[in-house]
């Protein structure tokens, strides 16, 4: 027990340390202090340089517009979809599609959406020339538009399934079916029950995931690079370019911008919560006004239909990736390629094999480490709940803090310690982002496990470790496999951590796909994005299938050994 407590304290320290280094390494250069570049005195010069930048305010406005709008639309669509389809066969189908969509890295979804929504994309091809009379691609801007609407669409397509997953999990904590039955028995429509009764109970349970989505929308880089606007770009992308500028003095300005972005996230979260409290204050009277119907019913049904459209776009974006990967000639306005070829994938086979191997090694190593750490910390939390409080408080920070500024501080430390551009450093940064998702996914089932099964096994075998592995972890197989699959998907999606620690020397499918997304080589990008989406999808499917057959095959094998 003492060894478990010591290990949990050490893990907490090792997890908090890079977060502190990242924050300090970003905060000090923001005030012109970085001894590595011979800046030894604090000053406000980076802040003056930041506010004099001509693209600052345009980037901030674009960031706030796209981030807040995408988060709000995702929440409305997710809540309306649950409200309309709850307790129906449609919800079962929607629930079954959540895992595959969540498994796909957002960069792959964004690349597919570019292939669909661009002026020469699949949607325009489907409508041409019989409806549009276009014989050549139109000149309008449908992706990377200056208002960021295509970025908002990509964020909604990717974030709404996650919110649906969170809402469905949260509904298990409240008596949803009973509330609906009582409300409808009193004459209220189902939408009115969801609107007046369930929403006020549900929102506190999903507040944190909503704020995480808001922070992600305001700070995402790879998605913005692929489908977001360029002139100006979002603030996170602008900071990314400043951090990689050949003029090293721009790093001080970028650090000041990263600190400003943290304040923007904090202010946006406070405004979001304040607006909700204002909404509750004015809406409280309507909860008890006796009206059995809701005027928002058509909006709820429209939002639910919008979710089906967004999922159709997600599916089409995945289908179009292998089409471009195996295309030889595809002229506009042909709906499908006129000729197919394996030549491009044969040419790229050595590169794709190398990138796939590196991606899989990083993903498997970081996820297995995250799984072991999560089991250890949850076992300690089950024994002494207060012993992991610091770990529980800091576990959310890596997914809330803006990557573009937070990782620069870690990069300074890696360069100082001569650990940059190493595979170990890349795995360590991936672990920093994989661990929160694995830990949060596993914590519910693990802490809810009935310990009497484990105690009974120990009494019968007198072997605690054997009982722990063969009984407790065996009974937690579905949760373990789901957490493992989610960790793989999170690792495959990491773009900035790989660039920060690898410094361009260690490349993965994600870094190559994002780098090539703007090159115009659709066949090459299609191959990269196809593999980037394929591996997490296969692992998610295996995670759903293996727990069901594992016990059957183990029992059959035991019978065969017994008979022999």
Protein backbone atom coordinates (compact mmCIF):
# COMPACT_ATOMS: atom_id res chain seq x y z
CA UNK A 1 0.00 0.00 0.00
CA UNK A 2 2.89 2.35 0.81
CA UNK A 3 4.44 1.55 -2.56
CA UNK A 4 1.18 2.42 -4.33
CA UNK A 5 0.94 5.73 -2.47
CA UNK A 6 4.56 6.59 -3.30
CA UNK A 7 4.05 5.73 -6.97
CA UNK A 8 0.89 7.88 -7.15
CA UNK A 9 2.73 10.86 -5.63
CA UNK A 10 5.60 10.43 -8.08
CA UNK A 11 3.20 10.23 -11.04
CA UNK A 12 1.38 13.34 -9.85
CA UNK A 13 4.69 15.21 -9.61
CA UNK A 14 5.84 14.04 -13.05
CA UNK A 15 2.50 15.04 -14.55
CA UNK A 16 2.39 18.49 -12.93
CA UNK A 17 6.05 19.29 -13.67
CA UNK A 18 5.77 19.67 -17.48
CA UNK A 19 2.61 21.73 -17.06
CA UNK A 20 4.44 24.15 -14.76
CA UNK A 21 7.46 24.19 -17.11
CA UNK A 22 5.19 24.92 -20.05
CA UNK A 23 3.45 27.79 -18.28
CA UNK A 24 6.67 29.31 -16.93
CA UNK A 25 8.44 28.84 -20.26
CA UNK A 26 5.66 30.80 -21.95
CA UNK A 27 5.09 33.42 -19.25
CA UNK A 28 8.73 34.54 -18.86
CA UNK A 29 9.37 35.24 -22.59
CA UNK A 30 6.08 37.13 -22.66
CA UNK A 31 7.86 39.69 -20.45
CA UNK A 32 11.07 39.64 -22.48
CA UNK A 33 12.99 37.24 -20.24
CA UNK A 34 14.70 34.30 -21.93
CA UNK A 35 18.37 33.74 -21.06
CA UNK A 36 18.79 31.27 -23.94
CA UNK A 37 18.36 34.22 -26.35
CA UNK A 38 20.36 36.67 -24.19
CA UNK A 39 17.31 38.46 -22.80
CA UNK A 40 17.96 38.90 -19.08
CA UNK A 41 15.75 41.87 -18.12
CA UNK A 42 11.98 41.97 -17.79
CA UNK A 43 10.12 44.46 -19.97
CA UNK A 44 6.81 45.02 -21.74
CA UNK A 45 8.37 45.19 -25.20
CA UNK A 46 6.69 41.92 -26.41
CA UNK A 47 3.29 43.32 -25.43
CA UNK A 48 3.86 46.58 -27.30
CA UNK A 49 4.96 44.55 -30.32
CA UNK A 50 1.87 42.34 -29.99
CA UNK A 51 -0.63 45.19 -29.89
CA UNK A 52 1.10 46.92 -32.81
CA UNK A 53 0.67 43.84 -34.99
CA UNK A 54 -1.78 44.65 -37.84
CA UNK A 55 -3.32 41.15 -37.84
CA UNK A 56 -3.98 40.91 -34.09
CA UNK A 57 -7.53 42.20 -33.84
CA UNK A 58 -8.71 40.51 -37.03
CA UNK A 59 -7.36 37.18 -35.75
CA UNK A 60 -9.00 37.62 -32.35
CA UNK A 61 -12.37 38.52 -33.88
CA UNK A 62 -12.18 35.50 -36.17
CA UNK A 63 -11.20 33.24 -33.26
CA UNK A 64 -14.08 34.41 -31.07
CA UNK A 65 -16.57 34.16 -33.93
CA UNK A 66 -15.60 30.65 -34.97
CA UNK A 67 -15.00 29.28 -31.46
CA UNK A 68 -18.11 30.59 -29.74
CA UNK A 69 -20.39 29.96 -32.72
CA UNK A 70 -19.16 26.38 -33.21
CA UNK A 71 -19.50 25.55 -29.50
CA UNK A 72 -23.02 27.01 -29.29
CA UNK A 73 -24.24 25.30 -32.47
CA UNK A 74 -22.74 21.97 -31.37
CA UNK A 75 -24.49 22.20 -28.00
CA UNK A 76 -27.86 23.12 -29.54
CA UNK A 77 -27.66 20.33 -32.13
CA UNK A 78 -26.56 17.72 -29.59
CA UNK A 79 -29.25 18.60 -27.04
CA UNK A 80 -31.96 18.85 -29.68
CA UNK A 81 -30.96 15.50 -31.20
CA UNK A 82 -31.21 13.76 -27.83
CA UNK A 83 -34.52 15.50 -27.09
CA UNK A 84 -36.13 14.49 -30.38
CA UNK A 85 -34.80 10.94 -30.72
CA UNK A 86 -34.61 9.80 -27.09
CA UNK A 87 -36.17 6.35 -26.49
CA UNK A 88 -36.42 5.70 -30.24
CA UNK A 89 -34.67 3.38 -32.69
CA UNK A 90 -33.03 6.39 -34.25
CA UNK A 91 -31.10 7.05 -31.05
CA UNK A 92 -29.75 3.49 -31.07
CA UNK A 93 -28.42 4.04 -34.60
CA UNK A 94 -26.98 7.42 -33.60
CA UNK A 95 -25.31 5.89 -30.55
CA UNK A 96 -23.71 3.18 -32.71
CA UNK A 97 -22.19 5.78 -35.04
CA UNK A 98 -20.59 7.83 -32.26
CA UNK A 99 -17.54 5.61 -31.71
CA UNK A 100 -16.41 5.54 -35.38
CA UNK A 101 -16.82 9.32 -35.76
CA UNK A 102 -14.99 9.99 -32.48
CA UNK A 103 -12.17 7.67 -33.60
CA UNK A 104 -11.41 9.68 -36.73
CA UNK A 105 -8.76 12.41 -36.20
CA UNK A 106 -10.18 15.86 -36.86
CA UNK A 107 -7.48 16.61 -39.45
CA UNK A 108 -8.72 13.68 -41.57
CA UNK A 109 -12.31 14.93 -41.28
CA UNK A 110 -11.19 18.43 -42.27
CA UNK A 111 -9.27 17.17 -45.31
CA UNK A 112 -12.29 15.16 -46.42
CA UNK A 113 -14.53 18.21 -45.99
CA UNK A 114 -12.15 20.23 -48.16
CA UNK A 115 -12.47 17.57 -50.87
CA UNK A 116 -16.27 17.79 -50.59
CA UNK A 117 -16.95 21.50 -50.11
CA UNK A 118 -14.32 23.10 -52.36
CA UNK A 119 -15.48 24.65 -55.66
CA UNK A 120 -14.27 21.53 -57.46
CA UNK A 121 -15.48 19.25 -54.67
CA UNK A 122 -17.91 16.36 -54.66
CA UNK A 123 -21.05 18.40 -53.83
CA UNK A 124 -20.59 20.74 -56.81
CA UNK A 125 -19.80 17.73 -59.01
CA UNK A 126 -23.03 16.03 -57.94
CA UNK A 127 -25.01 19.12 -58.98
CA UNK A 128 -23.12 19.85 -62.21
CA UNK A 129 -23.81 20.40 -65.00
CA UNK A 130 -27.45 19.28 -64.90
CA UNK A 131 -28.45 21.84 -62.21
CA UNK A 132 -25.71 24.46 -62.10
CA UNK A 133 -24.59 24.46 -65.77
CA UNK A 134 -20.99 24.50 -64.53
CA UNK A 135 -18.53 22.92 -66.94
CA UNK A 136 -15.63 24.30 -64.91
CA UNK A 137 -15.24 24.80 -61.15
CA UNK A 138 -16.84 28.06 -59.93
CA UNK A 139 -14.71 30.85 -58.53
CA UNK A 140 -16.46 31.27 -55.20
CA UNK A 141 -14.72 30.62 -51.86
CA UNK A 142 -16.37 27.73 -50.02
CA UNK A 143 -13.41 26.57 -47.90
CA UNK A 144 -10.91 28.76 -46.04
CA UNK A 145 -13.44 31.58 -46.39
CA UNK A 146 -12.57 34.90 -44.69
CA UNK A 147 -15.44 34.56 -42.17
CA UNK A 148 -14.36 31.12 -40.96
CA UNK A 149 -17.72 29.49 -41.73
CA UNK A 150 -16.07 26.38 -43.19
CA UNK A 151 -14.00 26.11 -39.99
CA UNK A 152 -17.21 26.40 -37.93
CA UNK A 153 -18.75 23.60 -39.98
CA UNK A 154 -15.73 21.35 -39.46
CA UNK A 155 -15.77 22.03 -35.71
CA UNK A 156 -19.50 21.28 -35.49
CA UNK A 157 -19.10 18.02 -37.43
CA UNK A 158 -16.35 16.88 -35.06
CA UNK A 159 -17.60 18.28 -31.73
CA UNK A 160 -21.30 17.37 -31.88
CA UNK A 161 -20.72 13.57 -31.62
CA UNK A 162 -18.52 14.15 -28.57
CA UNK A 163 -21.22 16.25 -26.92
CA UNK A 164 -23.82 13.59 -27.74
CA UNK A 165 -21.58 11.01 -26.08
CA UNK A 166 -21.19 13.21 -22.99
CA UNK A 167 -24.94 13.95 -22.75
CA UNK A 168 -25.87 10.28 -23.10
CA UNK A 169 -23.42 9.38 -20.33
CA UNK A 170 -24.75 12.18 -18.11
CA UNK A 171 -28.39 11.15 -18.62
CA UNK A 172 -27.60 7.88 -16.84
CA UNK A 173 -27.01 9.91 -13.66
CA UNK A 174 -30.52 11.38 -13.63
CA UNK A 175 -33.91 9.68 -13.83
CA UNK A 176 -34.59 10.77 -17.40
CA UNK A 177 -37.28 8.22 -18.27
CA UNK A 178 -39.17 8.90 -15.05
CA UNK A 179 -39.04 12.65 -15.61
CA UNK A 180 -40.38 12.25 -19.16
CA UNK A 181 -43.20 9.96 -18.01
CA UNK A 182 -44.25 12.32 -15.22
CA UNK A 183 -44.08 15.36 -17.50
CA UNK A 184 -46.02 13.79 -20.36
CA UNK A 185 -48.64 12.41 -17.93
CA UNK A 186 -49.29 16.00 -16.88
CA UNK A 187 -49.91 17.03 -20.48
CA UNK A 188 -46.50 18.47 -21.36
CA UNK A 189 -45.01 17.61 -24.74
CA UNK A 190 -41.70 15.74 -24.77
CA UNK A 191 -39.83 18.80 -26.05
CA UNK A 192 -41.35 20.92 -23.27
CA UNK A 193 -40.18 18.36 -20.67
CA UNK A 194 -36.64 18.42 -22.06
CA UNK A 195 -36.71 22.20 -22.28
CA UNK A 196 -38.16 22.99 -18.84
CA UNK A 197 -37.19 20.04 -16.64
CA UNK A 198 -34.22 18.08 -17.98
CA UNK A 199 -32.04 20.94 -19.31
CA UNK A 200 -31.64 22.71 -15.92
CA UNK A 201 -30.65 19.36 -14.33
CA UNK A 202 -28.42 18.26 -17.20
CA UNK A 203 -26.38 21.42 -17.80
CA UNK A 204 -24.33 21.33 -14.54
CA UNK A 205 -23.29 17.76 -15.42
CA UNK A 206 -21.95 18.72 -18.85
CA UNK A 207 -20.54 22.16 -17.97
CA UNK A 208 -16.91 21.02 -17.92
CA UNK A 209 -17.03 19.11 -21.27
CA UNK A 210 -18.68 22.18 -22.82
CA UNK A 211 -15.87 24.42 -21.57
CA UNK A 212 -13.30 21.93 -22.89
CA UNK A 213 -14.95 22.10 -26.31
CA UNK A 214 -14.98 25.89 -26.12
CA UNK A 215 -11.26 25.97 -25.29
CA UNK A 216 -10.51 23.53 -28.12
CA UNK A 217 -12.49 25.60 -30.63
CA UNK A 218 -10.62 28.77 -29.66
CA UNK A 219 -7.16 27.19 -29.83
CA UNK A 220 -7.25 24.50 -32.53
CA UNK A 221 -4.36 24.77 -35.02
CA UNK A 222 -4.32 21.78 -37.38
CA UNK A 223 -8.01 22.06 -38.23
CA UNK A 224 -7.59 25.79 -38.88
CA UNK A 225 -4.54 25.19 -41.07
CA UNK A 226 -6.50 22.75 -43.25
CA UNK A 227 -9.90 24.40 -43.61
CA UNK A 228 -9.69 27.74 -41.78
CA UNK A 229 -9.10 31.21 -43.26
CA UNK A 230 -5.63 32.47 -44.10
CA UNK A 231 -5.83 36.28 -44.25
CA UNK A 232 -6.23 36.78 -41.41
CA UNK A 233 -5.96 33.36 -39.81
CA UNK A 234 -7.27 32.43 -36.38
CA UNK A 235 -5.24 33.72 -33.44
CA UNK A 236 -3.83 30.26 -32.61
CA UNK A 237 -2.57 29.82 -36.19
CA UNK A 238 -1.09 33.35 -36.14
CA UNK A 239 0.80 32.47 -32.94
CA UNK A 240 1.94 29.21 -34.52
CA UNK A 241 3.45 31.13 -37.43
CA UNK A 242 5.10 33.61 -35.06
CA UNK A 243 6.64 30.82 -32.99
CA UNK A 244 8.13 29.32 -36.19
CA UNK A 245 9.31 32.64 -37.61
CA UNK A 246 12.98 32.83 -38.56
CA UNK A 247 13.22 36.08 -36.57
CA UNK A 248 13.74 34.80 -33.02
CA UNK A 249 12.44 38.06 -31.55
CA UNK A 250 8.99 37.07 -32.82
CA UNK A 251 8.95 34.33 -30.20
CA UNK A 252 8.64 36.93 -27.46
CA UNK A 253 5.67 38.48 -29.25
CA UNK A 254 4.20 34.99 -29.72
CA UNK A 255 4.62 34.24 -25.99
CA UNK A 256 2.77 37.44 -25.13
CA UNK A 257 0.07 36.40 -27.60
CA UNK A 258 -0.14 32.96 -25.98
CA UNK A 259 -0.73 34.56 -22.58
CA UNK A 260 -3.36 36.77 -24.18
CA UNK A 261 -5.00 33.70 -25.70
CA UNK A 262 -5.20 32.12 -22.24
CA UNK A 263 -7.01 35.23 -20.99
CA UNK A 264 -9.32 35.07 -24.01
CA UNK A 265 -10.19 31.45 -23.14
CA UNK A 266 -10.83 32.39 -19.51
CA UNK A 267 -12.92 35.41 -20.48
CA UNK A 268 -14.88 33.38 -23.03
CA UNK A 269 -15.63 30.69 -20.43
CA UNK A 270 -16.79 33.34 -17.93
CA UNK A 271 -18.97 35.00 -20.58
CA UNK A 272 -20.43 31.63 -21.58
CA UNK A 273 -21.34 30.84 -18.00
CA UNK A 274 -22.65 34.36 -17.36
CA UNK A 275 -24.90 34.18 -20.43
CA UNK A 276 -26.26 30.83 -19.25
CA UNK A 277 -27.03 32.25 -15.80
CA UNK A 278 -28.77 35.23 -17.43
CA UNK A 279 -30.74 32.81 -19.63
CA UNK A 280 -31.78 30.82 -16.54
CA UNK A 281 -32.75 34.01 -14.71
CA UNK A 282 -35.10 35.16 -17.47
CA UNK A 283 -36.29 31.66 -18.33
CA UNK A 284 -37.14 30.57 -14.79
CA UNK A 285 -40.62 32.08 -15.04
CA UNK A 286 -41.42 29.97 -18.09
CA UNK A 287 -40.62 26.76 -16.24
CA UNK A 288 -43.73 27.22 -14.08
CA UNK A 289 -46.06 29.14 -16.43
CA UNK A 290 -48.21 26.04 -17.04
CA UNK A 291 -47.80 26.00 -20.84
CA UNK A 292 -47.73 22.38 -21.97
CA UNK A 293 -46.19 23.04 -25.39
CA UNK A 294 -42.99 24.74 -26.50
CA UNK A 295 -42.61 27.22 -29.35
CA UNK A 296 -39.12 25.84 -29.90
CA UNK A 297 -40.37 22.44 -31.12
CA UNK A 298 -39.75 23.22 -34.83
CA UNK A 299 -36.26 24.50 -33.97
CA UNK A 300 -35.52 21.30 -32.04
CA UNK A 301 -36.61 19.13 -34.97
CA UNK A 302 -34.63 21.28 -37.39
CA UNK A 303 -31.51 21.01 -35.24
CA UNK A 304 -31.93 17.23 -35.01
CA UNK A 305 -32.18 17.05 -38.80
CA UNK A 306 -29.03 19.21 -39.00
CA UNK A 307 -27.18 16.55 -37.01
CA UNK A 308 -28.12 13.93 -39.59
CA UNK A 309 -26.84 16.24 -42.32
CA UNK A 310 -23.56 16.80 -40.44
CA UNK A 311 -23.08 13.06 -40.03
CA UNK A 312 -23.75 12.60 -43.74
CA UNK A 313 -20.97 15.12 -44.42
CA UNK A 314 -18.66 13.23 -42.04
CA UNK A 315 -19.37 9.92 -43.82
CA UNK A 316 -18.88 11.49 -47.25
CA UNK A 317 -15.62 13.06 -46.09
CA UNK A 318 -14.36 9.60 -45.14
CA UNK A 319 -15.55 8.00 -48.37
CA UNK A 320 -13.87 10.61 -50.56
CA UNK A 321 -10.42 9.99 -49.02
CA UNK A 322 -9.84 6.52 -50.55
CA UNK A 323 -11.43 7.73 -53.81
CA UNK A 324 -8.75 10.40 -54.16
CA UNK A 325 -6.10 7.95 -52.96
CA UNK A 326 -6.77 5.57 -55.88
CA UNK A 327 -7.69 8.14 -58.52
CA UNK A 328 -5.72 8.36 -61.77
CA UNK A 329 -7.86 10.88 -63.66
CA UNK A 330 -10.85 12.77 -62.27
CA UNK A 331 -11.93 15.73 -64.35
CA UNK A 332 -14.60 18.24 -63.44
CA UNK A 333 -17.61 17.78 -63.43
CA UNK A 334 -17.38 13.95 -63.41
CA UNK A 335 -18.99 12.48 -60.29
CA UNK A 336 -16.45 9.65 -60.09
CA UNK A 337 -12.95 9.23 -61.51
CA UNK A 338 -12.79 8.12 -65.13
CA UNK A 339 -9.74 5.96 -64.39
CA UNK A 340 -8.26 4.38 -61.28
CA UNK A 341 -4.68 3.55 -60.41
CA UNK A 342 -2.54 2.09 -57.61
CA UNK A 343 0.51 3.90 -58.96
CA UNK A 344 0.44 6.76 -56.44
CA UNK A 345 0.11 4.52 -53.41
CA UNK A 346 2.88 2.28 -54.75
CA UNK A 347 5.14 5.31 -55.08
CA UNK A 348 4.30 6.44 -51.56
CA UNK A 349 4.44 2.94 -50.02
CA UNK A 350 7.88 3.31 -48.34
CA UNK A 351 6.98 6.73 -46.90
CA UNK A 352 3.50 5.61 -45.82
CA UNK A 353 4.94 2.48 -44.15
CA UNK A 354 7.50 4.54 -42.24
CA UNK A 355 4.95 7.15 -41.14
CA UNK A 356 2.45 4.45 -40.14
CA UNK A 357 5.05 2.59 -38.07
CA UNK A 358 6.15 5.76 -36.27
CA UNK A 359 2.52 6.77 -35.63
CA UNK A 360 1.61 3.32 -34.28
CA UNK A 361 4.70 3.08 -32.04
CA UNK A 362 4.01 6.50 -30.51
CA UNK A 363 0.27 5.82 -30.14
CA UNK A 364 0.62 2.32 -28.62
CA UNK A 365 3.41 3.31 -26.24
CA UNK A 366 1.76 6.49 -24.96
CA UNK A 367 -1.65 4.78 -24.62
CA UNK A 368 -0.29 1.75 -22.77
CA UNK A 369 1.58 4.04 -20.38
CA UNK A 370 -1.58 6.13 -19.91
CA UNK A 371 -3.61 2.98 -19.23
CA UNK A 372 -1.15 1.72 -16.60
CA UNK A 373 -0.94 5.13 -14.92
CA UNK A 374 -4.74 5.46 -14.90
CA UNK A 375 -5.18 2.04 -13.30
CA UNK A 376 -2.60 2.86 -10.63
CA UNK A 377 -4.10 6.27 -9.83
CA UNK A 378 -7.67 4.94 -9.78
CA UNK A 379 -6.65 2.08 -7.49
CA UNK A 380 -5.10 4.61 -5.14
CA UNK A 381 -8.19 6.83 -5.41
CA UNK A 382 -10.44 3.89 -4.56
CA UNK A 383 -8.37 3.18 -1.46
CA UNK A 384 -7.82 6.79 -0.34
CA UNK A 385 -10.07 9.21 -2.26
CA UNK A 386 -8.30 12.37 -1.06
CA UNK A 387 -4.82 11.14 -2.01
CA UNK A 388 -5.27 11.93 -5.72
CA UNK A 389 -6.97 15.32 -5.40
CA UNK A 390 -4.02 17.23 -6.90
CA UNK A 391 -3.84 14.82 -9.81
CA UNK A 392 -7.60 15.19 -10.38
CA UNK A 393 -7.29 18.98 -10.37
CA UNK A 394 -4.44 19.15 -12.87
CA UNK A 395 -5.61 16.38 -15.21
CA UNK A 396 -7.80 18.77 -17.21
CA UNK A 397 -5.16 21.47 -17.80
CA UNK A 398 -3.43 19.96 -20.88
CA UNK A 399 -6.74 19.80 -22.77
CA UNK A 400 -7.86 23.29 -21.66
CA UNK A 401 -4.63 25.28 -22.08
CA UNK A 402 -3.80 26.47 -25.62
CA UNK A 403 -1.31 24.06 -27.16
CA UNK A 404 0.40 26.68 -29.27
CA UNK A 405 1.71 28.62 -26.25
CA UNK A 406 1.84 25.94 -23.60
CA UNK A 407 4.03 23.62 -25.70
CA UNK A 408 6.54 26.37 -26.52
CA UNK A 409 7.54 26.49 -22.85
CA UNK A 410 8.07 22.73 -22.85
CA UNK A 411 10.08 23.03 -26.08
CA UNK A 412 12.46 25.47 -24.38
CA UNK A 413 13.05 22.93 -21.61
CA UNK A 414 13.56 20.08 -24.11
CA UNK A 415 16.16 22.08 -26.02
CA UNK A 416 17.91 23.08 -22.79
CA UNK A 417 18.08 19.45 -21.63
CA UNK A 418 19.17 18.14 -25.08
CA UNK A 419 16.05 15.95 -25.35
CA UNK A 420 14.39 17.59 -28.34
CA UNK A 421 13.82 15.76 -31.63
CA UNK A 422 13.80 12.39 -29.84
CA UNK A 423 11.15 9.71 -30.01
CA UNK A 424 11.02 9.60 -26.21
CA UNK A 425 10.17 13.31 -26.05
CA UNK A 426 7.37 12.87 -28.62
CA UNK A 427 5.93 9.94 -26.66
CA UNK A 428 6.12 12.00 -23.45
CA UNK A 429 4.17 14.90 -24.97
CA UNK A 430 1.61 12.54 -26.47
CA UNK A 431 1.23 10.94 -23.04
CA UNK A 432 0.49 14.39 -21.59
CA UNK A 433 -2.60 14.63 -23.85
CA UNK A 434 -3.60 10.96 -23.99
CA UNK A 435 -3.61 10.45 -20.21
CA UNK A 436 -6.51 12.85 -19.41
CA UNK A 437 -8.84 11.15 -21.90
CA UNK A 438 -7.88 7.62 -20.82
CA UNK A 439 -8.15 8.49 -17.13
CA UNK A 440 -11.54 10.20 -17.46
CA UNK A 441 -12.92 7.39 -19.64
CA UNK A 442 -11.79 4.66 -17.25
CA UNK A 443 -12.57 6.39 -13.93
CA UNK A 444 -16.34 5.79 -13.93
CA UNK A 445 -16.37 2.03 -14.61
CA UNK A 446 -13.26 1.41 -12.49
CA UNK A 447 -14.55 3.17 -9.37
CA UNK A 448 -17.98 1.55 -9.81
CA UNK A 449 -16.48 -1.96 -9.85
CA UNK A 450 -17.83 -4.26 -7.13
CA UNK A 451 -14.76 -5.08 -5.01
CA UNK A 452 -16.43 -8.16 -3.51
CA UNK A 453 -15.54 -10.14 -6.64
CA UNK A 454 -11.85 -9.31 -6.17
CA UNK A 455 -11.90 -10.03 -2.43
CA UNK A 456 -13.58 -13.38 -3.02
CA UNK A 457 -10.95 -14.30 -5.63
CA UNK A 458 -8.14 -13.39 -3.21
CA UNK A 459 -9.73 -15.55 -0.50
CA UNK A 460 -9.90 -18.51 -2.87
CA UNK A 461 -6.47 -18.22 -4.49
CA UNK A 462 -4.37 -16.33 -1.92
CA UNK A 463 -2.76 -14.58 -4.89
CA UNK A 464 -3.67 -10.86 -5.00
CA UNK A 465 -1.86 -10.05 -8.23
CA UNK A 466 -3.30 -13.08 -10.01
CA UNK A 467 -6.79 -12.14 -8.80
CA UNK A 468 -6.29 -8.54 -9.85
CA UNK A 469 -5.28 -9.51 -13.39
CA UNK A 470 -7.53 -12.53 -13.94
CA UNK A 471 -10.67 -11.29 -12.19
CA UNK A 472 -10.81 -7.51 -11.74
CA UNK A 473 -9.16 -6.41 -14.98
CA UNK A 474 -10.88 -9.24 -16.86
CA UNK A 475 -14.29 -7.97 -15.72
CA UNK A 476 -13.27 -4.43 -16.74
CA UNK A 477 -12.32 -5.49 -20.28
CA UNK A 478 -14.93 -3.35 -22.10
CA UNK A 479 -13.90 -0.19 -20.25
CA UNK A 480 -10.18 -0.94 -20.69
CA UNK A 481 -10.53 -1.59 -24.42
CA UNK A 482 -12.66 1.55 -24.90
CA UNK A 483 -10.14 3.70 -23.02
CA UNK A 484 -7.30 2.16 -25.04
CA UNK A 485 -9.06 2.84 -28.35
CA UNK A 486 -9.77 6.44 -27.34
CA UNK A 487 -6.14 6.91 -26.34
CA UNK A 488 -4.98 5.65 -29.75
CA UNK A 489 -7.36 8.05 -31.50
CA UNK A 490 -6.16 10.99 -29.38
CA UNK A 491 -2.50 10.15 -30.10
CA UNK A 492 -3.12 9.87 -33.84
CA UNK A 493 -4.76 13.31 -33.79
CA UNK A 494 -1.81 15.10 -32.15
CA UNK A 495 -0.17 17.61 -34.49
CA UNK A 496 1.51 20.34 -32.46
CA UNK A 497 2.98 18.02 -29.76
CA UNK A 498 4.67 15.99 -32.50
CA UNK A 499 6.08 19.09 -34.18
CA UNK A 500 7.18 20.62 -30.87
CA UNK A 501 9.06 17.59 -29.55
CA UNK A 502 10.10 16.13 -32.91
CA UNK A 503 11.21 19.46 -34.46
CA UNK A 504 10.39 18.15 -37.93
CA UNK A 505 12.70 15.14 -37.60
CA UNK A 506 10.01 12.78 -36.35
CA UNK A 507 7.00 12.80 -38.65
CA UNK A 508 3.66 11.03 -38.34
CA UNK A 509 0.70 10.59 -40.66
CA UNK A 510 -0.98 13.61 -39.06
CA UNK A 511 1.95 16.01 -39.45
CA UNK A 512 2.48 14.99 -43.09
CA UNK A 513 -1.23 15.15 -43.95
CA UNK A 514 -1.63 18.65 -42.47
CA UNK A 515 1.59 19.86 -44.11
CA UNK A 516 0.45 18.61 -47.52
CA UNK A 517 -3.19 19.71 -47.18
CA UNK A 518 -2.52 23.08 -48.81
CA UNK A 519 -0.18 21.70 -51.48
CA UNK A 520 -2.90 20.78 -53.99
CA UNK A 521 -1.61 17.19 -54.30
CA UNK A 522 -4.96 15.61 -53.53
CA UNK A 523 -3.87 12.07 -54.34
CA UNK A 524 -0.96 12.25 -51.92
CA UNK A 525 -3.02 13.96 -49.24
CA UNK A 526 -5.80 11.41 -49.76
CA UNK A 527 -3.40 8.55 -49.06
CA UNK A 528 -2.09 10.19 -45.89
CA UNK A 529 -5.54 11.10 -44.54
CA UNK A 530 -6.96 7.68 -45.46
CA UNK A 531 -4.37 5.86 -43.33
CA UNK A 532 -4.68 8.48 -40.59
CA UNK A 533 -8.40 7.70 -40.35
CA UNK A 534 -8.11 3.96 -40.96
CA UNK A 535 -5.92 2.89 -38.04
CA UNK A 536 -7.97 4.49 -35.20
CA UNK A 537 -11.17 3.23 -36.84
CA UNK A 538 -9.87 -0.37 -36.96
CA UNK A 539 -8.75 -0.18 -33.33
CA UNK A 540 -12.15 1.18 -32.24
CA UNK A 541 -13.88 -1.68 -34.05
CA UNK A 542 -11.57 -4.21 -32.38
CA UNK A 543 -12.24 -2.57 -29.01
CA UNK A 544 -15.97 -3.18 -29.52
CA UNK A 545 -15.52 -6.75 -30.77
CA UNK A 546 -12.74 -8.24 -28.64
CA UNK A 547 -14.42 -7.98 -25.19
CA UNK A 548 -17.41 -9.97 -26.50
CA UNK A 549 -15.35 -12.88 -27.83
CA UNK A 550 -12.40 -12.80 -25.42
CA UNK A 551 -14.14 -14.77 -22.65
CA UNK A 552 -15.61 -17.32 -25.09
CA UNK A 553 -12.24 -18.14 -26.61
CA UNK A 554 -10.55 -18.22 -23.20
CA UNK A 555 -13.13 -20.73 -21.90
CA UNK A 556 -12.79 -22.87 -25.02
CA UNK A 557 -9.01 -22.84 -24.68
CA UNK A 558 -9.27 -23.80 -20.99
CA UNK A 559 -11.56 -26.74 -21.87
CA UNK A 560 -9.16 -27.92 -24.56
CA UNK A 561 -6.24 -27.79 -22.13
CA UNK A 562 -8.29 -29.60 -19.47
CA UNK A 563 -9.29 -32.42 -21.86
CA UNK A 564 -5.69 -32.87 -22.98
